[in-house]
Protein backbone atom coordinates (compact mmCIF):
# COMPACT_ATOMS: atom_id res chain seq x y z
CA MET A 1 -0.29 -0.25 0.10
CA LYS A 2 1.30 3.67 -0.54
CA GLY A 3 1.05 6.43 0.95
CA GLY A 4 -2.32 7.69 3.19
CA SER A 5 -5.81 8.72 1.22
CA ASP A 6 -7.03 11.91 -0.36
CA PRO A 7 -9.45 13.05 2.75
CA GLY A 8 -11.84 12.86 0.62
CA PRO A 9 -15.48 15.32 0.25
CA GLY A 10 -16.46 13.54 3.97
CA ALA A 11 -12.99 14.50 5.69
CA SER A 12 -14.61 18.33 6.23
CA THR A 13 -17.48 16.81 8.39
CA ARG A 14 -15.10 14.31 9.89
CA ALA A 15 -13.14 17.05 11.10
CA ALA A 16 -16.14 19.28 12.49
CA ARG A 17 -17.47 16.40 14.31
CA SER A 18 -13.86 15.54 15.29
CA SER A 19 -13.49 19.54 17.00
CA GLU A 20 -17.02 19.28 18.94
CA LEU A 21 -16.77 15.84 19.84
CA ILE A 22 -13.27 15.74 21.45
CA ASP A 23 -11.46 19.70 21.19
CA ASP A 24 -8.84 18.32 19.95
CA THR A 25 -8.54 14.85 22.63
CA ALA A 26 -8.92 17.04 25.39
CA SER A 27 -12.89 15.75 26.48
CA ASN A 28 -11.95 12.32 24.93
CA PRO A 29 -8.77 11.40 25.67
CA VAL A 30 -6.83 8.81 23.07
CA SER A 31 -7.94 5.70 25.89
CA ASP A 32 -11.59 6.74 25.03
CA VAL A 33 -11.21 6.73 21.23
CA ALA A 34 -8.80 3.58 21.45
CA LEU A 35 -11.72 1.82 23.36
CA ALA A 36 -13.76 2.78 20.04
CA LEU A 37 -11.43 1.34 17.87
CA THR A 38 -11.84 -1.80 19.49
CA THR A 39 -15.54 -2.16 18.94
CA LEU A 40 -15.62 -1.30 15.12
CA PRO A 41 -17.05 -4.65 13.49
CA SER A 42 -14.71 -5.00 10.54
CA MET A 43 -11.10 -3.97 13.55
CA GLY A 44 -10.96 -7.35 15.00
CA LEU A 45 -8.14 -7.91 17.03
CA ALA A 46 -5.87 -8.99 14.73
CA TYR A 47 -6.02 -6.04 12.29
CA LEU A 48 -5.29 -3.59 15.66
CA ILE A 49 -2.07 -4.95 16.48
CA GLN A 50 -1.27 -5.06 12.58
CA ILE A 51 -1.78 -1.07 12.53
CA CYS A 52 -0.26 -0.22 15.70
CA ARG A 53 3.26 -1.70 14.97
CA GLU A 54 3.26 0.60 11.97
CA TRP A 55 1.91 3.67 14.13
CA PRO A 56 1.65 4.65 17.25
CA VAL A 57 -2.14 4.49 19.07
CA THR A 58 -2.15 8.24 19.48
CA GLU A 59 -0.91 8.84 16.19
CA LEU A 60 -3.74 6.57 14.53
CA VAL A 61 -6.23 7.82 16.74
CA ARG A 62 -5.96 11.01 15.68
CA ALA A 63 -5.57 10.12 12.12
CA LEU A 64 -8.69 7.96 11.53
CA ARG A 65 -11.02 10.92 14.28
CA GLU A 66 -9.81 13.89 12.33
CA GLY A 67 -9.79 12.62 8.78
CA SER A 68 -5.99 13.10 8.57
CA PRO A 69 -4.16 10.95 5.34
CA ILE A 70 -2.77 7.77 7.55
CA PRO A 71 1.04 8.31 7.67
CA HIS A 72 3.02 6.79 4.47
CA ILE A 73 4.06 2.87 4.95
CA SER A 74 7.66 2.17 3.69
CA GLU A 75 7.99 -0.34 0.96
CA ASP A 76 9.29 -2.93 3.54
CA LYS A 77 6.28 -2.64 5.49
CA ALA A 78 3.85 -2.93 2.72
CA ALA A 79 4.87 -6.53 2.67
CA ILE A 80 4.03 -6.59 6.66
CA LEU A 81 0.61 -5.24 6.23
CA PRO A 82 -0.86 -6.70 3.14
CA ALA A 83 -4.48 -6.45 4.88
CA VAL A 84 -4.25 -2.44 5.32
CA THR A 85 -5.70 -0.88 2.78
CA VAL A 86 -6.86 2.53 1.85
CA GLU A 87 -10.44 0.74 1.71
CA ARG A 88 -10.28 -0.63 4.93
CA ILE A 89 -9.16 2.67 6.38
CA GLU A 90 -11.82 4.45 4.87
CA ARG A 91 -14.25 1.88 6.60
CA TRP A 92 -12.38 1.98 9.65
CA ARG A 93 -13.53 5.74 9.59
CA ARG A 94 -16.84 5.50 8.60
CA GLU A 95 -17.89 3.16 11.47
CA LEU A 96 -16.24 5.21 14.09
CA ASP A 97 -18.46 7.89 13.15
CA THR A 98 -21.17 5.93 14.55
CA VAL A 99 -19.87 5.24 17.70
CA ASP A 100 -21.19 6.70 20.77
CA ILE A 101 -18.37 7.24 22.62
CA LEU A 102 -20.08 8.75 25.68
CA ALA A 103 -22.02 5.53 25.73
CA LEU A 104 -19.88 3.51 25.50
CA LYS A 105 -17.34 5.16 28.35
CA ARG A 106 -20.72 5.08 30.45
CA ARG A 107 -20.99 1.41 29.52
CA TYR A 108 -17.21 0.84 31.02
CA ALA A 109 -17.60 2.50 33.68
CA ARG A 110 -20.62 0.70 34.74
CA ALA A 111 -18.89 -2.15 34.51
CA ASP A 112 -15.67 -1.11 36.39
CA VAL A 113 -13.60 -1.80 33.54
CA THR A 114 -10.44 0.44 32.70
CA VAL A 115 -9.24 0.88 29.24
CA LEU A 116 -5.10 0.91 29.09
CA VAL A 117 -3.69 2.01 26.20
CA ARG A 118 0.13 1.60 24.79
CA GLY A 119 1.79 4.88 25.16
CA ALA A 120 -0.20 5.86 28.55
CA SER A 121 0.77 5.67 31.85
CA ASN A 122 -1.44 2.97 33.06
CA TYR A 123 -0.14 0.37 30.53
CA PRO A 124 1.84 -1.93 31.77
CA GLU A 125 5.46 -1.40 31.49
CA ARG A 126 6.66 -5.27 30.60
CA LEU A 127 4.15 -5.40 27.98
CA ARG A 128 5.28 -1.76 26.38
CA GLY A 129 8.57 -2.91 24.09
CA ASP A 130 6.27 -6.16 22.73
CA GLU A 131 5.02 -4.84 19.44
CA PHE A 132 2.88 -7.81 18.68
CA THR A 133 0.70 -7.55 21.97
CA SER A 134 -2.26 -6.03 21.79
CA PRO A 135 -2.25 -1.93 22.52
CA VAL A 136 -5.12 -1.77 24.00
CA LEU A 137 -6.16 -4.46 27.07
CA PHE A 138 -8.76 -4.31 29.63
CA ALA A 139 -8.73 -4.35 32.88
CA ARG A 140 -10.92 -5.16 36.23
CA GLY A 141 -9.35 -4.80 39.33
CA ASP A 142 -6.18 -3.49 41.37
CA LEU A 143 -4.05 -2.23 38.77
CA ALA A 144 -1.32 -1.95 41.54
CA LEU A 145 -0.23 -5.45 40.61
CA LEU A 146 0.78 -4.28 37.86
CA GLU A 147 3.72 -3.33 39.56
CA ARG A 148 4.67 -6.76 41.40
CA PRO A 149 6.79 -9.21 39.93
CA GLY A 150 5.30 -11.85 37.84
CA VAL A 151 5.60 -15.52 37.65
CA ALA A 152 3.76 -16.87 34.89
CA ILE A 153 2.06 -20.69 35.74
CA VAL A 154 1.02 -22.44 32.44
CA GLY A 155 -0.17 -26.06 31.52
CA THR A 156 -2.71 -28.11 30.21
CA ARG A 157 -7.05 -28.41 31.00
CA SER A 158 -6.60 -32.40 31.40
CA ALA A 159 -4.13 -32.28 34.02
CA THR A 160 -3.19 -35.02 36.18
CA ARG A 161 -4.40 -35.01 40.47
CA VAL A 162 -0.38 -34.24 41.13
CA GLY A 163 0.28 -31.64 38.31
CA LEU A 164 -3.32 -29.48 39.95
CA ALA A 165 -1.23 -30.42 43.56
CA VAL A 166 1.90 -29.00 42.32
CA ALA A 167 0.28 -26.17 40.52
CA ARG A 168 -1.85 -25.01 43.44
CA ARG A 169 1.68 -25.53 45.58
CA PHE A 170 4.08 -23.20 43.56
CA GLY A 171 1.19 -20.49 43.04
CA GLU A 172 0.64 -20.63 46.86
CA GLU A 173 4.39 -20.48 47.61
CA LEU A 174 5.24 -18.15 45.14
CA ALA A 175 2.31 -15.37 46.43
CA TYR A 176 3.47 -15.65 49.31
CA ARG A 177 6.76 -14.42 48.57
CA GLY A 178 5.00 -11.48 47.13
CA TYR A 179 5.50 -12.62 42.99
CA ALA A 180 1.93 -11.74 41.20
CA ILE A 181 0.69 -15.24 39.52
CA VAL A 182 -0.09 -14.81 36.01
CA SER A 183 -2.66 -17.08 34.30
CA GLY A 184 -5.58 -17.38 31.68
CA LEU A 185 -7.83 -19.15 34.60
CA ALA A 186 -8.61 -21.79 32.34
CA LEU A 187 -9.80 -25.37 33.63
CA GLY A 188 -6.44 -27.63 34.84
CA ILE A 189 -3.74 -26.44 35.95
CA ASP A 190 -4.21 -22.55 34.94
CA GLY A 191 -7.28 -22.49 37.86
CA ALA A 192 -5.11 -24.78 40.27
CA ALA A 193 -1.98 -22.26 40.40
CA HIS A 194 -4.72 -19.10 40.95
CA GLU A 195 -6.35 -20.96 43.57
CA GLY A 196 -3.00 -21.45 45.61
CA ALA A 197 -2.08 -17.79 44.80
CA LEU A 198 -5.54 -17.05 46.74
CA GLU A 199 -4.74 -19.09 49.92
CA LYS A 200 -3.17 -15.10 51.37
CA ARG A 201 -0.50 -16.34 54.30
CA SER A 202 0.73 -13.07 54.85
CA GLU A 203 0.28 -9.66 54.53
CA ARG A 204 3.11 -9.33 51.82
CA SER A 205 1.10 -12.65 50.03
CA SER A 206 0.24 -10.85 46.20
CA GLY A 207 -2.61 -11.06 44.64
CA PRO A 208 -3.11 -13.07 41.23
CA ILE A 209 -3.48 -11.71 37.62
CA GLY A 210 -5.51 -13.81 35.68
CA VAL A 211 -5.32 -12.92 31.76
CA VAL A 212 -7.96 -13.80 29.50
CA ALA A 213 -9.86 -14.02 25.61
CA SER A 214 -13.40 -13.42 26.47
CA GLY A 215 -14.45 -9.49 27.54
CA LEU A 216 -13.99 -9.56 31.45
CA ASP A 217 -18.18 -9.68 31.18
CA VAL A 218 -18.14 -13.19 30.02
CA CYS A 219 -16.52 -15.80 32.08
CA TYR A 220 -15.26 -18.74 30.42
CA PRO A 221 -15.28 -21.45 31.21
CA ARG A 222 -18.05 -20.93 33.27
CA ARG A 223 -17.13 -24.14 36.12
CA HIS A 224 -14.58 -21.09 36.88
CA GLU A 225 -17.46 -17.96 37.65
CA LYS A 226 -16.49 -18.08 41.12
CA LEU A 227 -13.16 -18.34 40.45
CA TRP A 228 -13.57 -15.25 38.10
CA ALA A 229 -15.12 -13.12 41.26
CA GLN A 230 -12.11 -13.80 43.77
CA VAL A 231 -9.19 -13.25 41.42
CA THR A 232 -11.42 -9.95 40.43
CA GLY A 233 -12.11 -8.81 43.68
CA ARG A 234 -8.48 -9.93 45.23
CA GLY A 235 -6.27 -9.31 42.19
CA LEU A 236 -6.19 -8.31 39.08
CA MET A 237 -8.25 -9.36 35.39
CA LEU A 238 -6.90 -8.36 32.35
CA SER A 239 -8.78 -9.17 28.68
CA THR A 240 -7.49 -8.33 25.08
CA SER A 241 -11.12 -8.40 24.32
CA PRO A 242 -14.23 -5.84 24.58
CA LEU A 243 -17.06 -6.45 26.66
CA GLY A 244 -19.38 -8.97 24.95
CA MET A 245 -16.40 -10.63 23.06
CA ALA A 246 -16.87 -14.33 23.26
CA PRO A 247 -13.91 -16.33 23.45
CA GLY A 248 -12.25 -17.20 20.02
CA ALA A 249 -9.39 -19.88 18.95
CA HIS A 250 -7.91 -17.32 17.53
CA LEU A 251 -8.15 -14.94 20.49
CA PHE A 252 -6.09 -17.79 22.68
CA PRO A 253 -2.46 -16.73 21.24
CA LYS A 254 -3.31 -13.25 21.64
CA ARG A 255 -4.15 -13.29 25.53
CA ASN A 256 -0.67 -16.29 26.11
CA ARG A 257 1.12 -13.63 24.52
CA VAL A 258 0.37 -11.52 27.50
CA ILE A 259 0.53 -13.77 30.21
CA ALA A 260 4.02 -14.68 29.08
CA GLY A 261 4.85 -10.95 28.85
CA LEU A 262 3.72 -10.21 32.35
CA GLY A 263 5.89 -12.83 33.91
CA ARG A 264 9.53 -12.98 34.90
CA LEU A 265 9.40 -16.23 34.05
CA THR A 266 6.92 -18.99 32.86
CA LEU A 267 6.87 -22.14 34.26
CA VAL A 268 5.33 -25.13 32.59
CA VAL A 269 3.98 -27.41 35.09
CA GLU A 270 2.01 -30.32 32.75
CA SER A 271 1.41 -30.12 28.69
CA HIS A 272 0.13 -32.25 25.96
CA ARG A 273 2.67 -32.44 23.07
CA ARG A 274 0.53 -29.71 21.36
CA GLY A 275 -0.74 -28.04 24.05
CA GLY A 276 -2.16 -24.55 24.42
CA SER A 277 0.43 -23.66 27.07
CA LEU A 278 3.80 -24.49 24.59
CA HIS A 279 2.40 -21.00 22.77
CA THR A 280 2.84 -19.32 26.23
CA ALA A 281 6.39 -20.94 26.42
CA ARG A 282 7.22 -19.61 22.93
CA ALA A 283 6.23 -16.36 23.15
CA ALA A 284 8.16 -16.24 26.76
CA ARG A 285 11.08 -16.97 24.79
CA GLU A 286 10.64 -14.21 21.97
CA LEU A 287 10.47 -11.73 24.93
CA GLY A 288 13.45 -13.05 26.10
CA ARG A 289 11.83 -14.51 29.40
CA ARG A 290 13.20 -18.03 30.93
CA VAL A 291 10.96 -20.65 30.52
CA LEU A 292 10.59 -23.95 33.64
CA ALA A 293 9.12 -26.74 33.24
CA CYS A 294 8.22 -29.64 35.36
CA PRO A 295 9.04 -33.13 33.76
CA GLY A 296 6.44 -35.66 33.63
CA ALA A 297 6.21 -39.31 33.81
CA LEU A 298 7.46 -41.14 30.72
CA ASP A 299 3.81 -42.90 30.30
CA ASN A 300 2.11 -39.77 30.69
CA PRO A 301 0.50 -37.84 28.07
CA ALA A 302 -0.27 -34.97 30.03
CA GLY A 303 3.52 -34.51 30.21
CA GLU A 304 4.70 -35.14 26.62
CA GLY A 305 4.91 -31.49 26.33
CA THR A 306 7.18 -30.67 28.97
CA ASN A 307 9.50 -33.13 28.62
CA ALA A 308 9.44 -32.38 24.67
CA LEU A 309 10.48 -28.40 26.04
CA LEU A 310 13.20 -30.14 28.58
CA ALA A 311 14.49 -32.20 25.46
CA ASP A 312 14.97 -29.89 23.08
CA GLY A 313 16.68 -27.19 25.52
CA GLU A 314 13.52 -25.14 25.85
CA ALA A 315 13.17 -24.73 29.01
CA THR A 316 15.09 -25.26 32.13
CA LEU A 317 14.39 -28.00 34.53
CA CYS A 318 12.19 -27.52 37.53
CA ARG A 319 12.44 -30.22 40.66
CA ASP A 320 10.46 -27.52 43.64
CA ILE A 321 10.40 -24.42 44.48
CA ASN A 322 14.32 -23.74 44.80
CA ASP A 323 14.75 -23.73 41.51
CA VAL A 324 12.06 -21.09 40.38
CA LEU A 325 13.75 -19.14 43.65
CA LEU A 326 16.80 -19.56 41.94
CA ALA A 327 15.58 -18.76 38.39
CA LEU A 328 14.28 -15.37 39.72
CA GLY A 329 17.74 -14.58 41.56
CA GLN A 330 16.86 -15.66 44.72
CA THR A 331 17.96 -17.52 47.62
CA PRO A 332 16.87 -21.05 47.61
CA GLU A 333 15.42 -21.90 51.40
CA PRO A 334 16.07 -25.17 52.85
CA LYS A 335 14.56 -27.94 52.00
CA SER A 336 12.09 -29.32 54.99
CA ALA A 337 12.47 -33.36 55.97
CA ALA A 338 8.67 -33.38 56.85
CA ASP A 339 6.21 -34.89 53.96
CA PRO A 340 3.12 -33.24 54.10
CA ARG A 341 0.82 -35.91 53.10
CA PRO A 342 -0.38 -38.04 56.35
CA GLU A 343 0.99 -41.34 56.91
CA PRO A 344 -0.87 -43.74 55.15
CA SER A 345 -2.51 -46.70 57.34
CA VAL A 346 -1.05 -50.13 57.58
CA ASP A 347 -3.46 -51.71 55.53
CA ASP A 348 -2.81 -48.81 52.93
CA ALA A 349 1.20 -48.99 53.52
CA LEU A 350 0.80 -52.94 52.26
CA VAL A 351 -0.96 -51.72 48.60
CA LEU A 352 1.79 -49.05 48.24
CA VAL A 353 4.70 -50.92 48.89
CA ALA A 354 3.60 -53.26 46.55
CA LEU A 355 2.63 -50.87 44.01
CA GLY A 356 6.48 -49.74 43.87
CA TRP A 357 7.14 -46.80 41.29
CA ASP A 358 6.23 -48.77 38.16
CA PRO A 359 2.50 -47.96 36.95
CA CYS A 360 0.62 -51.26 37.90
CA THR A 361 -2.94 -52.37 37.28
CA LEU A 362 -5.46 -53.04 39.75
CA ASP A 363 -5.01 -57.00 38.89
CA SER A 364 -1.11 -56.38 40.18
CA ALA A 365 -1.73 -54.53 42.49
CA CYS A 366 -3.64 -57.44 44.39
CA THR A 367 -1.61 -59.94 43.59
CA ARG A 368 2.01 -57.97 44.68
CA SER A 369 -0.09 -56.73 48.17
CA ARG A 370 -1.99 -60.61 48.38
CA GLN A 371 -5.12 -58.38 49.66
CA PRO A 372 -8.54 -59.16 48.27
CA MET A 373 -9.46 -57.05 45.33
CA SER A 374 -12.44 -54.87 47.37
CA ARG A 375 -9.87 -54.30 50.34
CA VAL A 376 -7.17 -53.21 47.22
CA VAL A 377 -9.47 -50.49 45.64
CA LEU A 378 -10.44 -49.15 48.89
CA SER A 379 -6.81 -48.53 49.74
CA LEU A 380 -6.19 -47.20 46.17
CA ALA A 381 -9.19 -44.78 46.55
CA ARG A 382 -7.68 -43.49 49.83
CA LEU A 383 -4.42 -42.78 48.97
CA GLU A 384 -5.28 -41.53 46.37
CA SER A 385 -7.48 -38.83 47.83
CA VAL A 386 -4.46 -37.60 50.03
CA GLY A 387 -1.72 -38.24 47.14
CA TRP A 388 0.06 -40.86 47.37
CA VAL A 389 -1.14 -42.34 44.29
CA GLN A 390 -2.78 -41.30 40.82
CA ARG A 391 -4.47 -43.08 38.14
CA ILE A 392 -3.25 -42.78 34.68
CA ASP A 393 -4.68 -44.98 31.80
CA GLY A 394 -6.02 -47.11 34.09
CA ARG A 395 -3.11 -48.04 35.92
CA TRP A 396 -1.78 -47.26 39.22
CA GLN A 397 1.33 -45.00 39.60
CA ARG A 398 3.10 -44.10 43.43
CA ILE A 399 3.67 -40.33 43.35
CA ALA A 400 7.06 -39.46 45.23
CA ARG A 401 6.90 -36.14 47.35
CA LEU A 402 5.30 -33.22 45.07
CA LEU A 403 7.34 -30.16 46.31
């Protein structure tokens, strides 16, 4: 695309309306018009990120509102922005003219949602240098948490019980030390990390930061409605989408990049080989952040992704909280000899010892322990409930100490 288009006969009308409505952007600051841009039917997040890689948000907003020519796109950028045509820019201008900005502002004020625009003081410092992150974000909750050091904890939705326990412990331990746990509020590892972060243990404990792809008034997944409310009330919710936007597969990579950008490091607890958390890990590496991964059992599908990260040298091994602290430049803490799990009863211990450390079927557990199946079934249920064993693909696996 060549330089900006001729303003045309409608330019004077747009300019007049602009001076009436925004008075040189004084009465309607850039954040208000940037908010309006996110609601345009033909804009979309991908276009907004594209066009703001070429022009600052403030410059783009003023040009669109006042009918000014859009700045010239250099020849080398034309290949990067093939879809941003003169016709599309004119369509954005026409659509922007129909937006009632005051009504839009009232809607967001009623919803207690703040608009964060790149270039403004409230936009997260850690995201400002990334041109592939959304230039407009939506926030509800404690914005002061953006000043806290963050740790991103992510993983599969189909997590094992041990994976959930590990994520919860990491979330709790790091929040206790003042780190803001950043995650996506998805089922599985994400939700467990935030549940742990909400276990306030001291005055220095940090609230969590949830980053979602849908509008902040569209809870997804619905099963986490209570968790959304808790994170909003005791932490901060961020979204890459305006109010009313339903979640879509194309929006999650943009959300994952925000998660990676807000964390000093990204910890992947469990991930399938093609899990979405691997996208977050990739984004973290692109942003120069460290990536840690917990190793998984060789026959555990939920560990294939983390094992691949470790095998390919794309992540550092994480065995316990001290590995995370070292990666953060902190002094590791002395290991406690005490296992937090309750001691199994005599009958349950017989079954636990019989399992050994290899995955074991129920029949094998009965044969090895020389106990009737009814008793072994009850023992395995009790051992699973307190974290001594887990069931994977129909076989029972003994669990070492969690952290």
